[in-house]
């Protein structure tokens, strides 16, 4: 099995005022769910040196298809919906692919 991620997804979340811990908890649940998904090589929540308040959900995938299949999962969609009221703006999504 190829153990190199073909796709890396970075999603930056800006928590609403006083909601950082809440957002971090939901993102950690998302990362845990992703780690169990077929084609996921790992997922974690991190902070950025650019902005200490922003939380970044990082996931590494075998392929775009595996990533998209997980994104369509109802359990993941439910977690994503929980974030809508807790963030100050739409998440910034960046998808990196192997060159």
PDB file of N, CA and C in Angstrom:
ATOM      1  N   UNK A   1       0.837  -1.186   0.000  1.00  0.00           N
ATOM      2  CA  UNK A   1       0.000   0.000   0.000  1.00  0.00           C
ATOM      3  C   UNK A   1       0.880   1.246   0.000  1.00  0.00           C
ATOM      4  N   UNK A   2       0.523   2.202  -0.820  1.00  0.00           N
ATOM      5  CA  UNK A   2       1.207   3.484  -0.856  1.00  0.00           C
ATOM      6  C   UNK A   2       0.929   4.233   0.444  1.00  0.00           C
ATOM      7  N   UNK A   3       1.966   4.665   1.117  1.00  0.00           N
ATOM      8  CA  UNK A   3       1.775   5.369   2.382  1.00  0.00           C
ATOM      9  C   UNK A   3       2.044   6.859   2.263  1.00  0.00           C
ATOM     10  N   UNK A   4       2.116   7.350   1.036  1.00  0.00           N
ATOM     11  CA  UNK A   4       2.330   8.774   0.827  1.00  0.00           C
ATOM     12  C   UNK A   4       1.011   9.429   0.453  1.00  0.00           C
ATOM     13  N   UNK A   5       0.690  10.496   1.140  1.00  0.00           N
ATOM     14  CA  UNK A   5      -0.550  11.201   0.854  1.00  0.00           C
ATOM     15  C   UNK A   5      -0.465  11.890  -0.495  1.00  0.00           C
ATOM     16  N   UNK A   6      -1.477  11.693  -1.310  1.00  0.00           N
ATOM     17  CA  UNK A   6      -1.572  12.398  -2.575  1.00  0.00           C
ATOM     18  C   UNK A   6      -2.261  13.737  -2.418  1.00  0.00           C
ATOM     19  N   UNK A   7      -2.999  13.883  -1.294  1.00  0.00           N
ATOM     20  CA  UNK A   7      -3.774  15.093  -1.039  1.00  0.00           C
ATOM     21  C   UNK A   7      -3.630  15.478   0.430  1.00  0.00           C
ATOM     22  N   UNK A   8      -3.393  16.745   0.681  1.00  0.00           N
ATOM     23  CA  UNK A   8      -3.381  17.288   2.040  1.00  0.00           C
ATOM     24  C   UNK A   8      -4.411  18.411   2.069  1.00  0.00           C
ATOM     25  N   UNK A   9      -5.289  18.361   3.054  1.00  0.00           N
ATOM     26  CA  UNK A   9      -6.357  19.369   3.162  1.00  0.00           C
ATOM     27  C   UNK A   9      -6.136  20.179   4.430  1.00  0.00           C
ATOM     28  N   UNK A  10      -6.091  21.498   4.274  1.00  0.00           N
ATOM     29  CA  UNK A  10      -5.951  22.428   5.390  1.00  0.00           C
ATOM     30  C   UNK A  10      -7.219  23.265   5.465  1.00  0.00           C
ATOM     31  N   UNK A  11      -7.856  23.274   6.626  1.00  0.00           N
ATOM     32  CA  UNK A  11      -9.065  24.074   6.796  1.00  0.00           C
ATOM     33  C   UNK A  11      -8.863  24.964   8.016  1.00  0.00           C
ATOM     34  N   UNK A  12      -8.800  26.274   7.772  1.00  0.00           N
ATOM     35  CA  UNK A  12      -8.566  27.250   8.837  1.00  0.00           C
ATOM     36  C   UNK A  12      -9.907  27.754   9.363  1.00  0.00           C
ATOM     37  N   UNK A  13     -10.069  27.664  10.682  1.00  0.00           N
ATOM     38  CA  UNK A  13     -11.311  28.077  11.339  1.00  0.00           C
ATOM     39  C   UNK A  13     -11.010  29.226  12.298  1.00  0.00           C
ATOM     40  N   UNK A  14     -11.814  30.274  12.224  1.00  0.00           N
ATOM     41  CA  UNK A  14     -11.703  31.404  13.145  1.00  0.00           C
ATOM     42  C   UNK A  14     -12.857  31.326  14.132  1.00  0.00           C
ATOM     43  N   UNK A  15     -12.578  30.896  15.369  1.00  0.00           N
ATOM     44  CA  UNK A  15     -13.648  30.765  16.359  1.00  0.00           C
ATOM     45  C   UNK A  15     -14.286  32.114  16.680  1.00  0.00           C
ATOM     46  N   UNK A  16     -15.583  32.080  16.970  1.00  0.00           N
ATOM     47  CA  UNK A  16     -16.257  33.274  17.449  1.00  0.00           C
ATOM     48  C   UNK A  16     -15.746  33.619  18.843  1.00  0.00           C
ATOM     49  N   UNK A  17     -16.053  34.809  19.294  1.00  0.00           N
ATOM     50  CA  UNK A  17     -15.604  35.278  20.602  1.00  0.00           C
ATOM     51  C   UNK A  17     -16.027  34.310  21.706  1.00  0.00           C
ATOM     52  N   UNK A  18     -15.039  33.860  22.483  1.00  0.00           N
ATOM     53  CA  UNK A  18     -15.300  32.961  23.598  1.00  0.00           C
ATOM     54  C   UNK A  18     -15.630  31.528  23.207  1.00  0.00           C
ATOM     55  N   UNK A  19     -15.425  31.160  21.942  1.00  0.00           N
ATOM     56  CA  UNK A  19     -15.837  29.827  21.486  1.00  0.00           C
ATOM     57  C   UNK A  19     -14.668  28.967  21.018  1.00  0.00           C
ATOM     58  N   UNK A  20     -13.460  29.383  21.328  1.00  0.00           N
ATOM     59  CA  UNK A  20     -12.282  28.656  20.842  1.00  0.00           C
ATOM     60  C   UNK A  20     -12.264  27.202  21.331  1.00  0.00           C
ATOM     61  N   UNK A  21     -12.513  26.981  22.613  1.00  0.00           N
ATOM     62  CA  UNK A  21     -12.494  25.617  23.156  1.00  0.00           C
ATOM     63  C   UNK A  21     -13.580  24.749  22.518  1.00  0.00           C
ATOM     64  N   UNK A  22     -14.735  25.337  22.289  1.00  0.00           N
ATOM     65  CA  UNK A  22     -15.838  24.615  21.651  1.00  0.00           C
ATOM     66  C   UNK A  22     -15.449  24.191  20.230  1.00  0.00           C
ATOM     67  N   UNK A  23     -14.892  25.129  19.466  1.00  0.00           N
ATOM     68  CA  UNK A  23     -14.471  24.829  18.095  1.00  0.00           C
ATOM     69  C   UNK A  23     -13.363  23.778  18.106  1.00  0.00           C
ATOM     70  N   UNK A  24     -12.410  23.918  19.011  1.00  0.00           N
ATOM     71  CA  UNK A  24     -11.314  22.943  19.101  1.00  0.00           C
ATOM     72  C   UNK A  24     -11.858  21.545  19.377  1.00  0.00           C
ATOM     73  N   UNK A  25     -12.843  21.437  20.249  1.00  0.00           N
ATOM     74  CA  UNK A  25     -13.427  20.133  20.563  1.00  0.00           C
ATOM     75  C   UNK A  25     -14.093  19.485  19.363  1.00  0.00           C
ATOM     76  N   UNK A  26     -14.843  20.269  18.596  1.00  0.00           N
ATOM     77  CA  UNK A  26     -15.502  19.724  17.404  1.00  0.00           C
ATOM     78  C   UNK A  26     -14.459  19.336  16.362  1.00  0.00           C
ATOM     79  N   UNK A  27     -13.439  20.171  16.180  1.00  0.00           N
ATOM     80  CA  UNK A  27     -12.396  19.854  15.201  1.00  0.00           C
ATOM     81  C   UNK A  27     -11.638  18.590  15.590  1.00  0.00           C
ATOM     82  N   UNK A  28     -11.400  18.388  16.873  1.00  0.00           N
ATOM     83  CA  UNK A  28     -10.725  17.162  17.317  1.00  0.00           C
ATOM     84  C   UNK A  28     -11.595  15.938  17.033  1.00  0.00           C
ATOM     85  N   UNK A  29     -12.908  16.073  17.201  1.00  0.00           N
ATOM     86  CA  UNK A  29     -13.818  14.968  16.865  1.00  0.00           C
ATOM     87  C   UNK A  29     -13.788  14.693  15.359  1.00  0.00           C
ATOM     88  N   UNK A  30     -13.707  15.751  14.554  1.00  0.00           N
ATOM     89  CA  UNK A  30     -13.605  15.581  13.100  1.00  0.00           C
ATOM     90  C   UNK A  30     -12.313  14.861  12.732  1.00  0.00           C
ATOM     91  N   UNK A  31     -11.215  15.254  13.365  1.00  0.00           N
ATOM     92  CA  UNK A  31      -9.924  14.617  13.078  1.00  0.00           C
ATOM     93  C   UNK A  31      -9.964  13.139  13.447  1.00  0.00           C
ATOM     94  N   UNK A  32     -10.569  12.834  14.579  1.00  0.00           N
ATOM     95  CA  UNK A  32     -10.666  11.434  15.002  1.00  0.00           C
ATOM     96  C   UNK A  32     -11.492  10.622  14.006  1.00  0.00           C
ATOM     97  N   UNK A  33     -12.594  11.189  13.550  1.00  0.00           N
ATOM     98  CA  UNK A  33     -13.431  10.493  12.564  1.00  0.00           C
ATOM     99  C   UNK A  33     -12.672  10.297  11.255  1.00  0.00           C
ATOM    100  N   UNK A  34     -11.929  11.303  10.835  1.00  0.00           N
ATOM    101  CA  UNK A  34     -11.166  11.197   9.585  1.00  0.00           C
ATOM    102  C   UNK A  34     -10.118  10.100   9.677  1.00  0.00           C
ATOM    103  N   UNK A  35      -9.447  10.009  10.819  1.00  0.00           N
ATOM    104  CA  UNK A  35      -8.394   8.996  10.978  1.00  0.00           C
ATOM    105  C   UNK A  35      -8.921   7.580  10.780  1.00  0.00           C
ATOM    106  N   UNK A  36     -10.199   7.370  11.049  1.00  0.00           N
ATOM    107  CA  UNK A  36     -10.814   6.050  10.879  1.00  0.00           C
ATOM    108  C   UNK A  36     -11.350   5.820   9.467  1.00  0.00           C
ATOM    109  N   UNK A  37     -11.323   6.845   8.631  1.00  0.00           N
ATOM    110  CA  UNK A  37     -11.901   6.742   7.288  1.00  0.00           C
ATOM    111  C   UNK A  37     -10.939   6.055   6.323  1.00  0.00           C
ATOM    112  N   UNK A  38     -11.467   5.260   5.400  1.00  0.00           N
ATOM    113  CA  UNK A  38     -10.616   4.641   4.381  1.00  0.00           C
ATOM    114  C   UNK A  38      -9.885   5.715   3.567  1.00  0.00           C
ATOM    115  N   UNK A  39      -8.598   5.508   3.369  1.00  0.00           N
ATOM    116  CA  UNK A  39      -7.808   6.431   2.564  1.00  0.00           C
ATOM    117  C   UNK A  39      -7.221   7.601   3.313  1.00  0.00           C
ATOM    118  N   UNK A  40      -7.484   7.697   4.623  1.00  0.00           N
ATOM    119  CA  UNK A  40      -6.913   8.787   5.417  1.00  0.00           C
ATOM    120  C   UNK A  40      -5.635   8.304   6.089  1.00  0.00           C
ATOM    121  N   UNK A  41      -4.553   9.047   5.887  1.00  0.00           N
ATOM    122  CA  UNK A  41      -3.271   8.707   6.501  1.00  0.00           C
ATOM    123  C   UNK A  41      -3.064   9.409   7.835  1.00  0.00           C
ATOM    124  N   UNK A  42      -3.948  10.330   8.193  1.00  0.00           N
ATOM    125  CA  UNK A  42      -3.837  11.007   9.471  1.00  0.00           C
ATOM    126  C   UNK A  42      -4.554  12.341   9.441  1.00  0.00           C
ATOM    127  N   UNK A  43      -4.937  12.806  10.632  1.00  0.00           N
ATOM    128  CA  UNK A  43      -5.611  14.096  10.762  1.00  0.00           C
ATOM    129  C   UNK A  43      -5.311  14.647  12.143  1.00  0.00           C
ATOM    130  N   UNK A  44      -5.209  15.960  12.225  1.00  0.00           N
ATOM    131  CA  UNK A  44      -4.917  16.602  13.503  1.00  0.00           C
ATOM    132  C   UNK A  44      -5.393  18.039  13.478  1.00  0.00           C
ATOM    133  N   UNK A  45      -5.471  18.629  14.660  1.00  0.00           N
ATOM    134  CA  UNK A  45      -5.827  20.034  14.819  1.00  0.00           C
ATOM    135  C   UNK A  45      -4.581  20.763  15.290  1.00  0.00           C
ATOM    136  N   UNK A  46      -4.321  21.918  14.691  1.00  0.00           N
ATOM    137  CA  UNK A  46      -3.115  22.674  15.019  1.00  0.00           C
ATOM    138  C   UNK A  46      -3.440  24.165  15.087  1.00  0.00           C
ATOM    139  N   UNK A  47      -2.505  24.920  15.639  1.00  0.00           N
ATOM    140  CA  UNK A  47      -2.569  26.376  15.576  1.00  0.00           C
ATOM    141  C   UNK A  47      -1.480  26.843  14.624  1.00  0.00           C
ATOM    142  N   UNK A  48      -1.641  28.045  14.129  1.00  0.00           N
ATOM    143  CA  UNK A  48      -0.695  28.599  13.165  1.00  0.00           C
ATOM    144  C   UNK A  48       0.159  29.673  13.817  1.00  0.00           C
ATOM    145  N   UNK A  49       1.404  29.773  13.367  1.00  0.00           N
ATOM    146  CA  UNK A  49       2.248  30.850  13.878  1.00  0.00           C
ATOM    147  C   UNK A  49       1.836  32.198  13.278  1.00  0.00           C
ATOM    148  N   UNK A  50       0.969  32.186  12.280  1.00  0.00           N
ATOM    149  CA  UNK A  50       0.473  33.430  11.683  1.00  0.00           C
ATOM    150  C   UNK A  50      -0.588  34.091  12.544  1.00  0.00           C
ATOM    151  N   UNK A  51      -1.408  33.259  13.205  1.00  0.00           N
ATOM    152  CA  UNK A  51      -2.518  33.770  14.011  1.00  0.00           C
ATOM    153  C   UNK A  51      -2.839  32.725  15.065  1.00  0.00           C
ATOM    154  N   UNK A  52      -2.514  33.006  16.292  1.00  0.00           N
ATOM    155  CA  UNK A  52      -2.691  32.039  17.370  1.00  0.00           C
ATOM    156  C   UNK A  52      -4.132  31.695  17.688  1.00  0.00           C
ATOM    157  N   UNK A  53      -5.086  32.484  17.212  1.00  0.00           N
ATOM    158  CA  UNK A  53      -6.494  32.193  17.467  1.00  0.00           C
ATOM    159  C   UNK A  53      -7.080  31.229  16.438  1.00  0.00           C
ATOM    160  N   UNK A  54      -6.533  31.227  15.243  1.00  0.00           N
ATOM    161  CA  UNK A  54      -7.037  30.358  14.181  1.00  0.00           C
ATOM    162  C   UNK A  54      -6.695  28.904  14.481  1.00  0.00           C
ATOM    163  N   UNK A  55      -7.671  28.028  14.293  1.00  0.00           N
ATOM    164  CA  UNK A  55      -7.461  26.589  14.450  1.00  0.00           C
ATOM    165  C   UNK A  55      -7.480  25.955  13.067  1.00  0.00           C
ATOM    166  N   UNK A  56      -6.527  25.066  12.819  1.00  0.00           N
ATOM    167  CA  UNK A  56      -6.377  24.464  11.500  1.00  0.00           C
ATOM    168  C   UNK A  56      -6.593  22.957  11.603  1.00  0.00           C
ATOM    169  N   UNK A  57      -7.534  22.448  10.819  1.00  0.00           N
ATOM    170  CA  UNK A  57      -7.752  21.007  10.715  1.00  0.00           C
ATOM    171  C   UNK A  57      -6.954  20.525   9.510  1.00  0.00           C
ATOM    172  N   UNK A  58      -5.999  19.654   9.760  1.00  0.00           N
ATOM    173  CA  UNK A  58      -5.106  19.142   8.724  1.00  0.00           C
ATOM    174  C   UNK A  58      -5.409  17.658   8.539  1.00  0.00           C
ATOM    175  N   UNK A  59      -5.629  17.257   7.293  1.00  0.00           N
ATOM    176  CA  UNK A  59      -5.829  15.833   7.021  1.00  0.00           C
ATOM    177  C   UNK A  59      -5.051  15.447   5.772  1.00  0.00           C
ATOM    178  N   UNK A  60      -4.551  14.208   5.786  1.00  0.00           N
ATOM    179  CA  UNK A  60      -3.742  13.687   4.675  1.00  0.00           C
ATOM    180  C   UNK A  60      -4.472  12.486   4.083  1.00  0.00           C
ATOM    181  N   UNK A  61      -4.617  12.496   2.752  1.00  0.00           N
ATOM    182  CA  UNK A  61      -5.450  11.505   2.082  1.00  0.00           C
ATOM    183  C   UNK A  61      -4.710  10.811   0.957  1.00  0.00           C
ATOM    184  N   UNK A  62      -5.080   9.576   0.731  1.00  0.00           N
ATOM    185  CA  UNK A  62      -4.526   8.805  -0.377  1.00  0.00           C
ATOM    186  C   UNK A  62      -4.907   9.444  -1.716  1.00  0.00           C
ATOM    187  N   UNK A  63      -6.137   9.949  -1.795  1.00  0.00           N
ATOM    188  CA  UNK A  63      -6.629  10.515  -3.054  1.00  0.00           C
ATOM    189  C   UNK A  63      -7.728  11.538  -2.774  1.00  0.00           C
ATOM    190  N   UNK A  64      -8.031  12.342  -3.787  1.00  0.00           N
ATOM    191  CA  UNK A  64      -9.139  13.291  -3.682  1.00  0.00           C
ATOM    192  C   UNK A  64     -10.461  12.545  -3.518  1.00  0.00           C
ATOM    193  N   UNK A  65     -10.572  11.390  -4.153  1.00  0.00           N
ATOM    194  CA  UNK A  65     -11.796  10.598  -4.054  1.00  0.00           C
ATOM    195  C   UNK A  65     -12.048  10.156  -2.612  1.00  0.00           C
ATOM    196  N   UNK A  66     -11.004   9.693  -1.935  1.00  0.00           N
ATOM    197  CA  UNK A  66     -11.149   9.278  -0.532  1.00  0.00           C
ATOM    198  C   UNK A  66     -11.548  10.465   0.336  1.00  0.00           C
ATOM    199  N   UNK A  67     -10.918  11.607   0.108  1.00  0.00           N
ATOM    200  CA  UNK A  67     -11.230  12.813   0.874  1.00  0.00           C
ATOM    201  C   UNK A  67     -12.686  13.229   0.641  1.00  0.00           C
ATOM    202  N   UNK A  68     -13.109  13.244  -0.614  1.00  0.00           N
ATOM    203  CA  UNK A  68     -14.475  13.657  -0.935  1.00  0.00           C
ATOM    204  C   UNK A  68     -15.510  12.675  -0.404  1.00  0.00           C
ATOM    205  N   UNK A  69     -15.191  11.392  -0.440  1.00  0.00           N
ATOM    206  CA  UNK A  69     -16.109  10.383   0.100  1.00  0.00           C
ATOM    207  C   UNK A  69     -16.330  10.628   1.594  1.00  0.00           C
ATOM    208  N   UNK A  70     -15.271  10.910   2.321  1.00  0.00           N
ATOM    209  CA  UNK A  70     -15.413  11.204   3.749  1.00  0.00           C
ATOM    210  C   UNK A  70     -16.226  12.481   3.952  1.00  0.00           C
ATOM    211  N   UNK A  71     -15.981  13.492   3.120  1.00  0.00           N
ATOM    212  CA  UNK A  71     -16.717  14.752   3.233  1.00  0.00           C
ATOM    213  C   UNK A  71     -18.212  14.597   3.032  1.00  0.00           C
ATOM    214  N   UNK A  72     -18.617  13.560   2.301  1.00  0.00           N
ATOM    215  CA  UNK A  72     -20.035  13.292   2.058  1.00  0.00           C
ATOM    216  C   UNK A  72     -20.680  12.449   3.152  1.00  0.00           C
ATOM    217  N   UNK A  73     -19.885  11.945   4.085  1.00  0.00           N
ATOM    218  CA  UNK A  73     -20.401  11.087   5.152  1.00  0.00           C
ATOM    219  C   UNK A  73     -21.338  11.889   6.065  1.00  0.00           C
ATOM    220  N   UNK A  74     -22.534  11.355   6.375  1.00  0.00           N
ATOM    221  CA  UNK A  74     -23.480  12.076   7.231  1.00  0.00           C
ATOM    222  C   UNK A  74     -22.925  12.408   8.618  1.00  0.00           C
ATOM    223  N   UNK A  75     -22.109  11.535   9.181  1.00  0.00           N
ATOM    224  CA  UNK A  75     -21.520  11.811  10.492  1.00  0.00           C
ATOM    225  C   UNK A  75     -20.594  13.011  10.456  1.00  0.00           C
ATOM    226  N   UNK A  76     -19.787  13.103   9.401  1.00  0.00           N
ATOM    227  CA  UNK A  76     -18.903  14.252   9.243  1.00  0.00           C
ATOM    228  C   UNK A  76     -19.720  15.516   8.992  1.00  0.00           C
ATOM    229  N   UNK A  77     -20.757  15.404   8.172  1.00  0.00           N
ATOM    230  CA  UNK A  77     -21.608  16.561   7.881  1.00  0.00           C
ATOM    231  C   UNK A  77     -22.250  17.095   9.157  1.00  0.00           C
ATOM    232  N   UNK A  78     -22.632  16.205  10.055  1.00  0.00           N
ATOM    233  CA  UNK A  78     -23.224  16.617  11.326  1.00  0.00           C
ATOM    234  C   UNK A  78     -22.227  17.420  12.164  1.00  0.00           C
ATOM    235  N   UNK A  79     -20.983  16.954  12.215  1.00  0.00           N
ATOM    236  CA  UNK A  79     -19.948  17.695  12.947  1.00  0.00           C
ATOM    237  C   UNK A  79     -19.698  19.050  12.289  1.00  0.00           C
ATOM    238  N   UNK A  80     -19.645  19.068  10.973  1.00  0.00           N
ATOM    239  CA  UNK A  80     -19.420  20.315  10.239  1.00  0.00           C
ATOM    240  C   UNK A  80     -20.541  21.311  10.542  1.00  0.00           C
ATOM    241  N   UNK A  81     -21.776  20.824  10.616  1.00  0.00           N
ATOM    242  CA  UNK A  81     -22.909  21.698  10.915  1.00  0.00           C
ATOM    243  C   UNK A  81     -22.819  22.290  12.316  1.00  0.00           C
ATOM    244  N   UNK A  82     -22.230  21.549  13.258  1.00  0.00           N
ATOM    245  CA  UNK A  82     -22.067  22.056  14.625  1.00  0.00           C
ATOM    246  C   UNK A  82     -21.188  23.298  14.666  1.00  0.00           C
ATOM    247  N   UNK A  83     -20.289  23.416  13.719  1.00  0.00           N
ATOM    248  CA  UNK A  83     -19.354  24.540  13.712  1.00  0.00           C
ATOM    249  C   UNK A  83     -19.974  25.845  13.229  1.00  0.00           C
ATOM    250  N   UNK A  84     -21.031  25.782  12.467  1.00  0.00           N
ATOM    251  CA  UNK A  84     -21.570  26.968  11.798  1.00  0.00           C
ATOM    252  C   UNK A  84     -21.848  28.132  12.740  1.00  0.00           C
ATOM    253  N   UNK A  85     -22.370  27.859  13.917  1.00  0.00           N
ATOM    254  CA  UNK A  85     -22.702  28.924  14.864  1.00  0.00           C
ATOM    255  C   UNK A  85     -21.521  29.320  15.747  1.00  0.00           C
ATOM    256  N   UNK A  86     -20.428  28.580  15.649  1.00  0.00           N
ATOM    257  CA  UNK A  86     -19.299  28.788  16.559  1.00  0.00           C
ATOM    258  C   UNK A  86     -18.108  29.491  15.927  1.00  0.00           C
ATOM    259  N   UNK A  87     -18.158  29.703  14.619  1.00  0.00           N
ATOM    260  CA  UNK A  87     -17.039  30.369  13.943  1.00  0.00           C
ATOM    261  C   UNK A  87     -17.467  31.761  13.501  1.00  0.00           C
ATOM    262  N   UNK A  88     -16.480  32.648  13.360  1.00  0.00           N
ATOM    263  CA  UNK A  88     -16.792  34.035  13.021  1.00  0.00           C
ATOM    264  C   UNK A  88     -16.940  34.269  11.522  1.00  0.00           C
ATOM    265  N   UNK A  89     -16.475  33.326  10.714  1.00  0.00           N
ATOM    266  CA  UNK A  89     -16.616  33.432   9.258  1.00  0.00           C
ATOM    267  C   UNK A  89     -16.464  32.048   8.647  1.00  0.00           C
ATOM    268  N   UNK A  90     -16.728  31.954   7.357  1.00  0.00           N
ATOM    269  CA  UNK A  90     -16.576  30.687   6.647  1.00  0.00           C
ATOM    270  C   UNK A  90     -15.136  30.193   6.768  1.00  0.00           C
ATOM    271  N   UNK A  91     -14.934  28.902   6.982  1.00  0.00           N
ATOM    272  CA  UNK A  91     -13.567  28.368   7.027  1.00  0.00           C
ATOM    273  C   UNK A  91     -12.852  28.584   5.694  1.00  0.00           C
ATOM    274  N   UNK A  92     -11.550  28.750   5.778  1.00  0.00           N
ATOM    275  CA  UNK A  92     -10.699  28.901   4.599  1.00  0.00           C
ATOM    276  C   UNK A  92     -10.123  27.526   4.282  1.00  0.00           C
ATOM    277  N   UNK A  93     -10.469  26.982   3.119  1.00  0.00           N
ATOM    278  CA  UNK A  93     -10.058  25.632   2.736  1.00  0.00           C
ATOM    279  C   UNK A  93      -8.960  25.708   1.684  1.00  0.00           C
ATOM    280  N   UNK A  94      -7.889  24.947   1.920  1.00  0.00           N
ATOM    281  CA  UNK A  94      -6.807  24.825   0.948  1.00  0.00           C
ATOM    282  C   UNK A  94      -6.512  23.343   0.765  1.00  0.00           C
ATOM    283  N   UNK A  95      -6.480  22.891  -0.478  1.00  0.00           N
ATOM    284  CA  UNK A  95      -6.188  21.498  -0.785  1.00  0.00           C
ATOM    285  C   UNK A  95      -4.888  21.455  -1.573  1.00  0.00           C
ATOM    286  N   UNK A  96      -3.927  20.704  -1.056  1.00  0.00           N
ATOM    287  CA  UNK A  96      -2.629  20.549  -1.697  1.00  0.00           C
ATOM    288  C   UNK A  96      -2.562  19.171  -2.328  1.00  0.00           C
ATOM    289  N   UNK A  97      -2.049  19.088  -3.544  1.00  0.00           N
ATOM    290  CA  UNK A  97      -1.890  17.797  -4.199  1.00  0.00           C
ATOM    291  C   UNK A  97      -0.427  17.590  -4.560  1.00  0.00           C
ATOM    292  N   UNK A  98      -0.041  16.332  -4.617  1.00  0.00           N
ATOM    293  CA  UNK A  98       1.335  15.990  -4.944  1.00  0.00           C
ATOM    294  C   UNK A  98       1.668  16.472  -6.350  1.00  0.00           C
ATOM    295  N   UNK A  99       2.815  17.128  -6.464  1.00  0.00           N
ATOM    296  CA  UNK A  99       3.244  17.647  -7.778  1.00  0.00           C
ATOM    297  C   UNK A  99       3.928  16.556  -8.573  1.00  0.00           C
TER     298      UNK A  99
END
